[in-house]
Amino acid sequence: MRTADCISLGTPSTIMGKSQDHPSGAENFTWDEKEWEMSEKYKPDVVKMVPVDDELLKTIPFKAVVKKIAVAEKGSAGLNPPWEVSCTNRMADCNRIVKPFHFAYNEYDGRRHTWNLVFEAYELGDLRTWRNKNFGWRDSVKVSKVLPEAHLWRFLVHMTQALAVMHDQKGSTHKHRGTLLHSDIKPDNILVADNGSAYPSFRLHDFDFATVAHGRQDRRAPAFCGTFVWHPPEAPYVKTTWADVWAVGASLHWLAFGEKVVPPMSANWMDDLAEEDREIALKFRKRYATEQKFYDALGPRIVSPINLGKPSRIAEKHPEFTRFFEPLYRPKYSDRLNFWMMECLKFDPAERVTVDRLMKEMVPEARAVVLDLGGDAALTDFDLVFL
């Protein structure tokens, strides 16, 4: 089977291949645009496709796919598969990383080369869609269900396992692969997978901003990519494993409360920054296209504990968020879940928990907690599995 790293280049119309990660039964999948029609547009370059007739369903193992148009480099370099393909193929196939299972050259429009990347469709959607539909707000109406704690533990475990594959090269046989940094972990880039139980699985995708780090991480090299509001306090120095860990913790915080760790922008927000942080902000101000992006990247981060009831939150002066002028309901979760979230959200990156420690200490603890909360069903697809 050919991978993105070893494709024999022919004429543009014949360049295609398959990633090593694919749904069972999709090994011989071929992409024919005429056999599919768009059912939903996620972004201008990302659409959900369904078969035009039932006959195709008999030959493929899925009811829908997601097609992404990837822009490759200019010139002859654009005939090489795009970065997302070669990046994901550096990682071992597993149940925590989403890879395109088919890719094919699309066209050259005189300015750039484009490729079709085909992914399995996840019917439960991304983390934001799934949470808002089931545990958040729908059409300005509050959904009363509280997100079970077992789901939060499973989320933290699954994202830790994804980071272990990326950062620690778990399961990799790729020589000199280096440490992969995602740099854009957020609810929109985490897919929710139906595993047949009441406890869904979570998978990381969208590696457009991923980079490879070899050797010692450079904590003083600024970067201006990804979604700024999920960046850590040390932004713009975010091309590190510490930044990915922060983003997982910030996503867990959002999953629990429905609010980001970055509060709404105030008119005089820079006055509240420490002098050192204010100097950094002023130094890089021109690198951000808008005042909002500047604030999202370098504004204050406010982390609220998730193990406090309302009286304790008020007593400790934690902010109360509102939506449609109604205070947001904040469920109270366990002290241990809060402990691990806070370890991910340490403001000093040197003190932030490592993926290795999460794997060795948090994951075994989570297993016991999840089993107690939901029984054997809650352990469905709990472990990291290499395919």
Protein backbone atom coordinates (compact mmCIF):
# COMPACT_ATOMS: atom_id res chain seq x y z
CA MET A 1 0.00 0.00 0.00
CA ARG A 2 1.41 3.39 -0.93
CA THR A 3 1.59 6.16 1.60
CA ALA A 4 2.03 9.88 1.18
CA ASP A 5 5.76 9.60 1.71
CA CYS A 6 6.42 7.20 -1.17
CA ILE A 7 4.06 7.98 -4.03
CA SER A 8 5.33 7.54 -7.56
CA LEU A 9 4.43 10.72 -9.39
CA GLY A 10 2.79 10.45 -12.77
CA THR A 11 0.62 12.88 -14.66
CA PRO A 12 -1.46 15.05 -12.29
CA SER A 13 -4.70 13.20 -13.04
CA THR A 14 -3.20 9.89 -11.96
CA ILE A 15 -1.55 10.91 -8.71
CA MET A 16 -3.47 9.32 -5.89
CA GLY A 17 -2.99 7.10 -2.91
CA LYS A 18 -4.44 5.83 0.32
CA SER A 19 -3.46 6.66 3.84
CA GLN A 20 -2.76 3.67 6.02
CA ASP A 21 -5.70 4.54 8.28
CA HIS A 22 -9.04 3.74 6.72
CA PRO A 23 -12.41 2.27 7.66
CA SER A 24 -12.54 -1.49 7.42
CA GLY A 25 -13.52 -2.42 3.88
CA ALA A 26 -12.28 0.83 2.31
CA GLU A 27 -8.94 -0.56 1.16
CA ASN A 28 -10.00 -0.56 -2.50
CA PHE A 29 -11.90 2.72 -2.36
CA THR A 30 -11.61 4.93 -5.44
CA TRP A 31 -12.88 8.47 -5.64
CA ASP A 32 -15.30 9.30 -8.43
CA GLU A 33 -16.86 12.74 -8.09
CA LYS A 34 -19.89 11.70 -10.15
CA GLU A 35 -20.86 9.04 -7.58
CA TRP A 36 -21.25 11.54 -4.75
CA GLU A 37 -23.29 14.64 -4.05
CA MET A 38 -22.91 17.32 -1.40
CA SER A 39 -25.25 17.08 1.57
CA GLU A 40 -23.70 19.70 3.84
CA LYS A 41 -21.03 22.39 3.59
CA TYR A 42 -18.90 22.81 6.70
CA LYS A 43 -16.49 25.33 5.19
CA PRO A 44 -15.90 26.58 1.64
CA ASP A 45 -13.30 23.84 1.15
CA VAL A 46 -14.82 21.11 3.38
CA VAL A 47 -18.07 19.37 2.47
CA LYS A 48 -19.97 16.28 3.49
CA MET A 49 -20.78 13.96 0.58
CA VAL A 50 -23.33 11.14 0.29
CA PRO A 51 -23.72 8.53 -2.50
CA VAL A 52 -26.03 9.48 -5.35
CA ASP A 53 -27.65 6.02 -5.32
CA ASP A 54 -28.05 3.00 -3.05
CA GLU A 55 -25.93 0.74 -5.24
CA LEU A 56 -22.75 2.44 -4.08
CA LEU A 57 -23.68 1.77 -0.46
CA LYS A 58 -23.39 -1.95 -1.16
CA THR A 59 -19.71 -1.61 -2.03
CA ILE A 60 -18.47 0.78 0.68
CA PRO A 61 -18.50 0.54 4.50
CA PHE A 62 -19.80 4.04 5.22
CA LYS A 63 -22.83 6.17 4.37
CA ALA A 64 -21.01 9.46 3.94
CA VAL A 65 -17.55 10.93 3.52
CA VAL A 66 -16.02 14.33 4.04
CA LYS A 67 -14.10 15.81 1.14
CA LYS A 68 -11.52 18.47 1.84
CA ILE A 69 -9.79 20.55 -0.81
CA ALA A 70 -6.17 20.92 0.25
CA VAL A 71 -3.94 23.56 -1.29
CA ALA A 72 -0.44 22.32 -2.08
CA GLU A 73 2.71 24.28 -2.80
CA LYS A 74 3.25 26.31 -5.94
CA GLY A 75 5.30 24.98 -8.83
CA SER A 76 6.39 21.38 -9.20
CA ALA A 77 6.45 20.94 -5.41
CA GLY A 78 2.65 21.08 -5.53
CA LEU A 79 2.64 17.67 -7.20
CA ASN A 80 3.68 16.18 -3.88
CA PRO A 81 0.79 15.29 -1.56
CA PRO A 82 -0.18 18.12 0.81
CA TRP A 83 1.26 18.41 4.30
CA GLU A 84 -1.77 16.95 6.09
CA VAL A 85 -1.25 13.65 4.27
CA SER A 86 2.49 13.35 4.87
CA CYS A 87 2.12 14.63 8.44
CA THR A 88 -0.53 12.13 9.50
CA ASN A 89 1.30 9.28 7.81
CA ARG A 90 4.24 9.95 10.10
CA MET A 91 2.04 8.71 12.95
CA ALA A 92 1.07 5.14 13.68
CA ASP A 93 -2.47 4.17 12.69
CA CYS A 94 -4.58 4.25 15.83
CA ASN A 95 -8.04 4.95 17.22
CA ARG A 96 -7.26 8.51 18.34
CA ILE A 97 -5.97 10.22 15.19
CA VAL A 98 -8.13 10.89 12.11
CA LYS A 99 -6.32 10.47 8.81
CA PRO A 100 -7.55 10.83 5.23
CA PHE A 101 -8.06 7.32 3.89
CA HIS A 102 -7.88 8.47 0.28
CA PHE A 103 -6.23 11.39 -1.49
CA ALA A 104 -5.98 12.35 -5.13
CA TYR A 105 -4.64 15.22 -7.18
CA ASN A 106 -7.42 17.62 -8.13
CA GLU A 107 -6.24 20.40 -10.44
CA TYR A 108 -3.85 23.23 -11.14
CA ASP A 109 -5.72 26.47 -11.75
CA GLY A 110 -2.73 28.47 -12.96
CA ARG A 111 -1.89 29.69 -9.47
CA ARG A 112 -1.90 26.68 -7.21
CA HIS A 113 -2.23 22.92 -7.03
CA THR A 114 -5.16 21.41 -5.13
CA TRP A 115 -5.84 17.93 -3.85
CA ASN A 116 -8.94 16.02 -2.77
CA LEU A 117 -8.60 14.47 0.69
CA VAL A 118 -11.34 12.02 1.67
CA PHE A 119 -12.16 11.21 5.28
CA GLU A 120 -14.73 9.01 6.93
CA ALA A 121 -17.70 11.12 8.06
CA TYR A 122 -18.39 11.24 11.80
CA GLU A 123 -22.14 11.50 12.14
CA LEU A 124 -22.00 12.85 15.71
CA GLY A 125 -19.98 15.80 14.43
CA ASP A 126 -17.20 17.67 16.14
CA LEU A 127 -16.99 18.29 19.88
CA ARG A 128 -18.63 21.72 19.67
CA THR A 129 -21.58 20.47 17.62
CA TRP A 130 -22.05 17.41 19.82
CA ARG A 131 -21.94 19.33 23.10
CA ASN A 132 -24.20 22.14 21.99
CA LYS A 133 -26.76 19.71 20.61
CA ASN A 134 -26.91 17.46 23.64
CA PHE A 135 -25.71 19.44 26.64
CA GLY A 136 -25.64 23.13 25.76
CA TRP A 137 -27.81 25.56 23.83
CA ARG A 138 -29.91 24.87 20.78
CA ASP A 139 -31.62 27.74 18.95
CA SER A 140 -31.23 29.98 22.01
CA VAL A 141 -32.93 27.37 24.20
CA LYS A 142 -31.01 25.75 27.03
CA VAL A 143 -30.68 21.96 26.91
CA SER A 144 -31.17 20.77 30.48
CA LYS A 145 -29.05 17.61 30.39
CA VAL A 146 -25.81 17.77 32.35
CA LEU A 147 -22.71 16.35 30.70
CA PRO A 148 -21.83 13.17 32.65
CA GLU A 149 -18.45 13.19 34.35
CA ALA A 150 -17.49 9.90 32.69
CA HIS A 151 -17.58 11.67 29.32
CA LEU A 152 -15.13 14.30 30.59
CA TRP A 153 -12.70 11.68 31.87
CA ARG A 154 -12.91 9.78 28.60
CA PHE A 155 -12.28 12.98 26.66
CA LEU A 156 -9.16 13.74 28.68
CA VAL A 157 -7.91 10.16 28.31
CA HIS A 158 -8.48 10.04 24.56
CA MET A 159 -6.81 13.39 23.92
CA THR A 160 -3.89 12.38 26.13
CA GLN A 161 -3.51 9.24 24.04
CA ALA A 162 -3.60 11.33 20.86
CA LEU A 163 -0.83 13.55 22.24
CA ALA A 164 1.19 10.47 23.20
CA VAL A 165 1.06 9.32 19.58
CA MET A 166 2.05 12.80 18.36
CA HIS A 167 4.56 13.91 20.97
CA ASP A 168 6.04 10.67 22.25
CA GLN A 169 5.95 8.75 18.95
CA LYS A 170 3.89 5.94 20.47
CA GLY A 171 3.63 3.08 18.00
CA SER A 172 5.68 4.87 15.33
CA THR A 173 8.06 3.02 13.03
CA HIS A 174 8.88 6.16 11.02
CA LYS A 175 12.62 6.82 11.18
CA HIS A 176 13.67 10.24 12.47
CA ARG A 177 10.04 11.26 12.71
CA GLY A 178 10.51 13.87 15.40
CA THR A 179 7.87 15.28 17.72
CA LEU A 180 4.67 16.36 16.00
CA LEU A 181 3.01 19.50 17.34
CA HIS A 182 -0.64 20.00 16.43
CA SER A 183 -0.85 23.73 17.32
CA ASP A 184 -4.60 24.02 16.68
CA ILE A 185 -6.33 21.76 19.22
CA LYS A 186 -9.84 23.03 19.88
CA PRO A 187 -13.41 21.64 20.04
CA ASP A 188 -13.89 22.12 16.28
CA ASN A 189 -10.88 19.89 15.57
CA ILE A 190 -11.96 17.02 17.80
CA LEU A 191 -14.44 14.55 16.31
CA VAL A 192 -16.94 12.50 18.29
CA ALA A 193 -17.12 8.84 17.27
CA ASP A 194 -20.02 6.48 17.88
CA ASN A 195 -18.56 3.24 19.24
CA GLY A 196 -21.88 1.47 19.84
CA SER A 197 -22.12 2.41 23.51
CA ALA A 198 -23.59 5.37 25.38
CA TYR A 199 -20.04 6.64 25.90
CA PRO A 200 -18.66 8.11 22.65
CA SER A 201 -15.01 8.27 21.68
CA PHE A 202 -13.01 11.37 20.78
CA ARG A 203 -10.51 11.70 17.95
CA LEU A 204 -8.13 14.47 16.94
CA HIS A 205 -8.01 15.72 13.36
CA ASP A 206 -7.09 18.69 11.13
CA PHE A 207 -3.30 18.84 11.03
CA ASP A 208 -3.01 21.87 8.74
CA PHE A 209 -0.88 23.78 11.26
CA ALA A 210 1.11 20.81 12.56
CA THR A 211 4.89 21.01 12.59
CA VAL A 212 7.76 18.68 13.37
CA ALA A 213 10.10 19.51 16.23
CA HIS A 214 13.50 17.85 16.34
CA GLY A 215 15.49 17.97 19.55
CA ARG A 216 15.02 20.68 22.17
CA GLN A 217 11.89 22.81 21.89
CA ASP A 218 12.45 26.50 21.23
CA ARG A 219 10.28 28.36 23.72
CA ARG A 220 11.33 31.73 22.32
CA ALA A 221 10.32 31.27 18.68
CA PRO A 222 7.01 33.10 18.12
CA ALA A 223 4.29 31.60 15.93
CA PHE A 224 1.08 33.18 14.66
CA CYS A 225 -1.00 30.24 13.50
CA GLY A 226 -3.95 28.23 14.74
CA THR A 227 -6.93 29.60 16.66
CA PHE A 228 -5.59 32.18 19.08
CA VAL A 229 -8.24 31.87 21.77
CA TRP A 230 -7.03 28.33 22.53
CA HIS A 231 -3.40 29.39 22.88
CA PRO A 232 -1.69 29.30 26.30
CA PRO A 233 -0.60 32.32 28.36
CA GLU A 234 2.92 32.15 26.89
CA ALA A 235 1.58 33.04 23.41
CA PRO A 236 2.91 33.71 20.82
CA TYR A 237 5.48 31.08 21.82
CA VAL A 238 3.16 28.19 21.03
CA LYS A 239 5.14 25.70 18.93
CA THR A 240 5.71 23.43 21.92
CA THR A 241 4.26 20.30 23.49
CA TRP A 242 3.26 22.47 26.45
CA ALA A 243 0.96 24.51 24.22
CA ASP A 244 -0.82 21.36 22.98
CA VAL A 245 -1.34 20.22 26.59
CA TRP A 246 -2.81 23.63 27.47
CA ALA A 247 -5.20 23.41 24.52
CA VAL A 248 -6.46 20.00 25.71
CA GLY A 249 -7.03 21.43 29.19
CA ALA A 250 -8.77 24.50 27.78
CA SER A 251 -11.01 22.26 25.65
CA LEU A 252 -11.87 20.20 28.76
CA HIS A 253 -12.71 23.43 30.62
CA TRP A 254 -14.98 24.44 27.74
CA LEU A 255 -16.55 20.97 27.61
CA ALA A 256 -17.43 21.20 31.31
CA PHE A 257 -18.71 24.78 31.33
CA GLY A 258 -19.43 25.75 27.73
CA GLU A 259 -17.17 28.80 28.07
CA LYS A 260 -13.59 29.46 26.97
CA VAL A 261 -10.85 30.41 29.42
CA VAL A 262 -10.58 33.76 27.61
CA PRO A 263 -13.25 36.15 28.93
CA PRO A 264 -15.01 38.70 26.70
CA MET A 265 -12.78 41.58 25.65
CA SER A 266 -13.00 44.79 27.67
CA ALA A 267 -12.00 48.24 26.49
CA ASN A 268 -8.99 48.51 28.81
CA TRP A 269 -7.95 44.87 28.95
CA MET A 270 -4.23 45.60 28.57
CA ASP A 271 -4.25 47.56 31.82
CA ASP A 272 -4.89 44.30 33.67
CA LEU A 273 -1.83 42.56 32.23
CA ALA A 274 1.39 42.18 34.17
CA GLU A 275 4.13 44.53 32.97
CA GLU A 276 6.10 41.73 31.27
CA ASP A 277 2.98 40.45 29.49
CA ARG A 278 2.08 43.99 28.40
CA GLU A 279 5.53 44.45 26.86
CA ILE A 280 5.15 41.19 24.92
CA ALA A 281 1.69 42.21 23.74
CA LEU A 282 2.89 45.58 22.47
CA LYS A 283 5.87 43.96 20.75
CA PHE A 284 3.68 41.67 18.64
CA ARG A 285 0.56 43.81 18.23
CA LYS A 286 1.10 44.44 14.52
CA ARG A 287 1.31 40.72 13.78
CA TYR A 288 -2.44 40.27 14.34
CA ALA A 289 -4.97 41.30 11.71
CA THR A 290 -7.65 42.58 14.09
CA GLU A 291 -7.94 43.83 17.65
CA GLN A 292 -10.06 40.77 18.49
CA LYS A 293 -7.39 38.35 17.26
CA PHE A 294 -4.76 40.33 19.14
CA TYR A 295 -6.85 40.02 22.30
CA ASP A 296 -7.62 36.32 21.74
CA ALA A 297 -3.92 35.56 21.49
CA LEU A 298 -2.47 37.77 24.22
CA GLY A 299 -5.39 38.67 26.46
CA PRO A 300 -5.89 37.31 29.99
CA ARG A 301 -6.72 33.67 30.69
CA ILE A 302 -9.18 32.97 33.52
CA VAL A 303 -9.39 29.35 34.61
CA SER A 304 -12.36 28.48 36.81
CA PRO A 305 -12.33 25.29 38.92
CA ILE A 306 -14.94 22.74 37.88
CA ASN A 307 -15.30 21.21 41.35
CA LEU A 308 -17.08 24.10 43.06
CA GLY A 309 -20.75 24.65 43.76
CA LYS A 310 -22.21 28.10 43.23
CA PRO A 311 -21.73 29.32 46.86
CA SER A 312 -18.04 28.39 46.71
CA ARG A 313 -17.60 30.06 43.33
CA ILE A 314 -19.13 33.26 44.65
CA ALA A 315 -17.07 33.12 47.85
CA GLU A 316 -13.86 32.65 45.87
CA LYS A 317 -14.92 35.37 43.39
CA HIS A 318 -14.85 33.22 40.27
CA PRO A 319 -16.66 34.93 37.37
CA GLU A 320 -20.22 33.97 36.51
CA PHE A 321 -20.77 33.76 32.75
CA THR A 322 -24.14 34.56 31.21
CA ARG A 323 -25.86 33.81 27.93
CA PHE A 324 -28.96 35.62 26.72
CA PHE A 325 -28.82 37.51 30.06
CA GLU A 326 -29.26 34.26 32.02
CA PRO A 327 -26.49 32.95 34.30
CA LEU A 328 -24.96 29.82 32.86
CA TYR A 329 -25.55 26.72 34.95
CA ARG A 330 -22.26 25.21 36.03
CA PRO A 331 -22.36 21.62 37.22
CA LYS A 332 -19.99 20.51 39.95
CA TYR A 333 -17.50 17.79 39.02
CA SER A 334 -15.06 15.80 41.14
CA ASP A 335 -11.95 17.14 42.82
CA ARG A 336 -9.72 14.68 40.94
CA LEU A 337 -11.02 15.64 37.51
CA ASN A 338 -10.50 19.28 38.44
CA PHE A 339 -6.97 18.46 39.63
CA TRP A 340 -5.92 17.02 36.28
CA MET A 341 -7.57 19.83 34.34
CA MET A 342 -5.68 22.36 36.45
CA GLU A 343 -2.44 20.46 35.86
CA CYS A 344 -2.97 20.95 32.12
CA LEU A 345 -3.73 24.63 32.66
CA LYS A 346 -0.72 25.67 34.72
CA PHE A 347 0.23 29.16 33.62
CA ASP A 348 3.96 28.41 33.74
CA PRO A 349 4.67 25.93 30.92
CA ALA A 350 7.59 24.48 32.89
CA GLU A 351 5.12 23.45 35.60
CA ARG A 352 2.47 22.13 33.22
CA VAL A 353 1.85 18.40 33.35
CA THR A 354 3.63 16.29 30.75
CA VAL A 355 1.94 13.80 28.46
CA ASP A 356 4.11 11.07 29.95
CA ARG A 357 2.79 11.79 33.45
CA LEU A 358 -0.79 11.94 32.20
CA MET A 359 -0.36 8.54 30.57
CA LYS A 360 1.27 6.97 33.64
CA GLU A 361 -0.84 8.53 36.39
CA MET A 362 -4.05 10.08 35.07
CA VAL A 363 -5.11 7.33 32.64
CA PRO A 364 -5.04 4.48 35.22
CA GLU A 365 -6.92 6.67 37.69
CA ALA A 366 -9.47 7.57 35.02
CA ARG A 367 -10.03 3.91 34.22
CA ALA A 368 -11.05 3.17 37.81
CA VAL A 369 -13.26 6.26 38.03
CA VAL A 370 -15.00 5.64 34.71
CA LEU A 371 -15.63 1.98 35.59
CA ASP A 372 -17.19 3.07 38.87
CA LEU A 373 -19.34 5.71 37.16
CA GLY A 374 -20.60 3.68 34.21
CA GLY A 375 -19.59 0.05 34.53
CA ASP A 376 -18.01 -1.97 31.74
CA ALA A 377 -19.89 -0.03 29.04
CA ALA A 378 -18.04 3.14 30.04
CA LEU A 379 -14.74 1.41 29.21
CA THR A 380 -15.73 0.78 25.59
CA ASP A 381 -12.86 1.94 23.35
CA PHE A 382 -11.05 3.24 26.42
CA ASP A 383 -7.55 2.08 25.50
CA LEU A 384 -5.20 3.35 22.82
CA VAL A 385 -5.18 0.74 20.06
CA PHE A 386 -2.80 0.63 17.11
CA LEU A 387 -4.43 -0.64 13.94
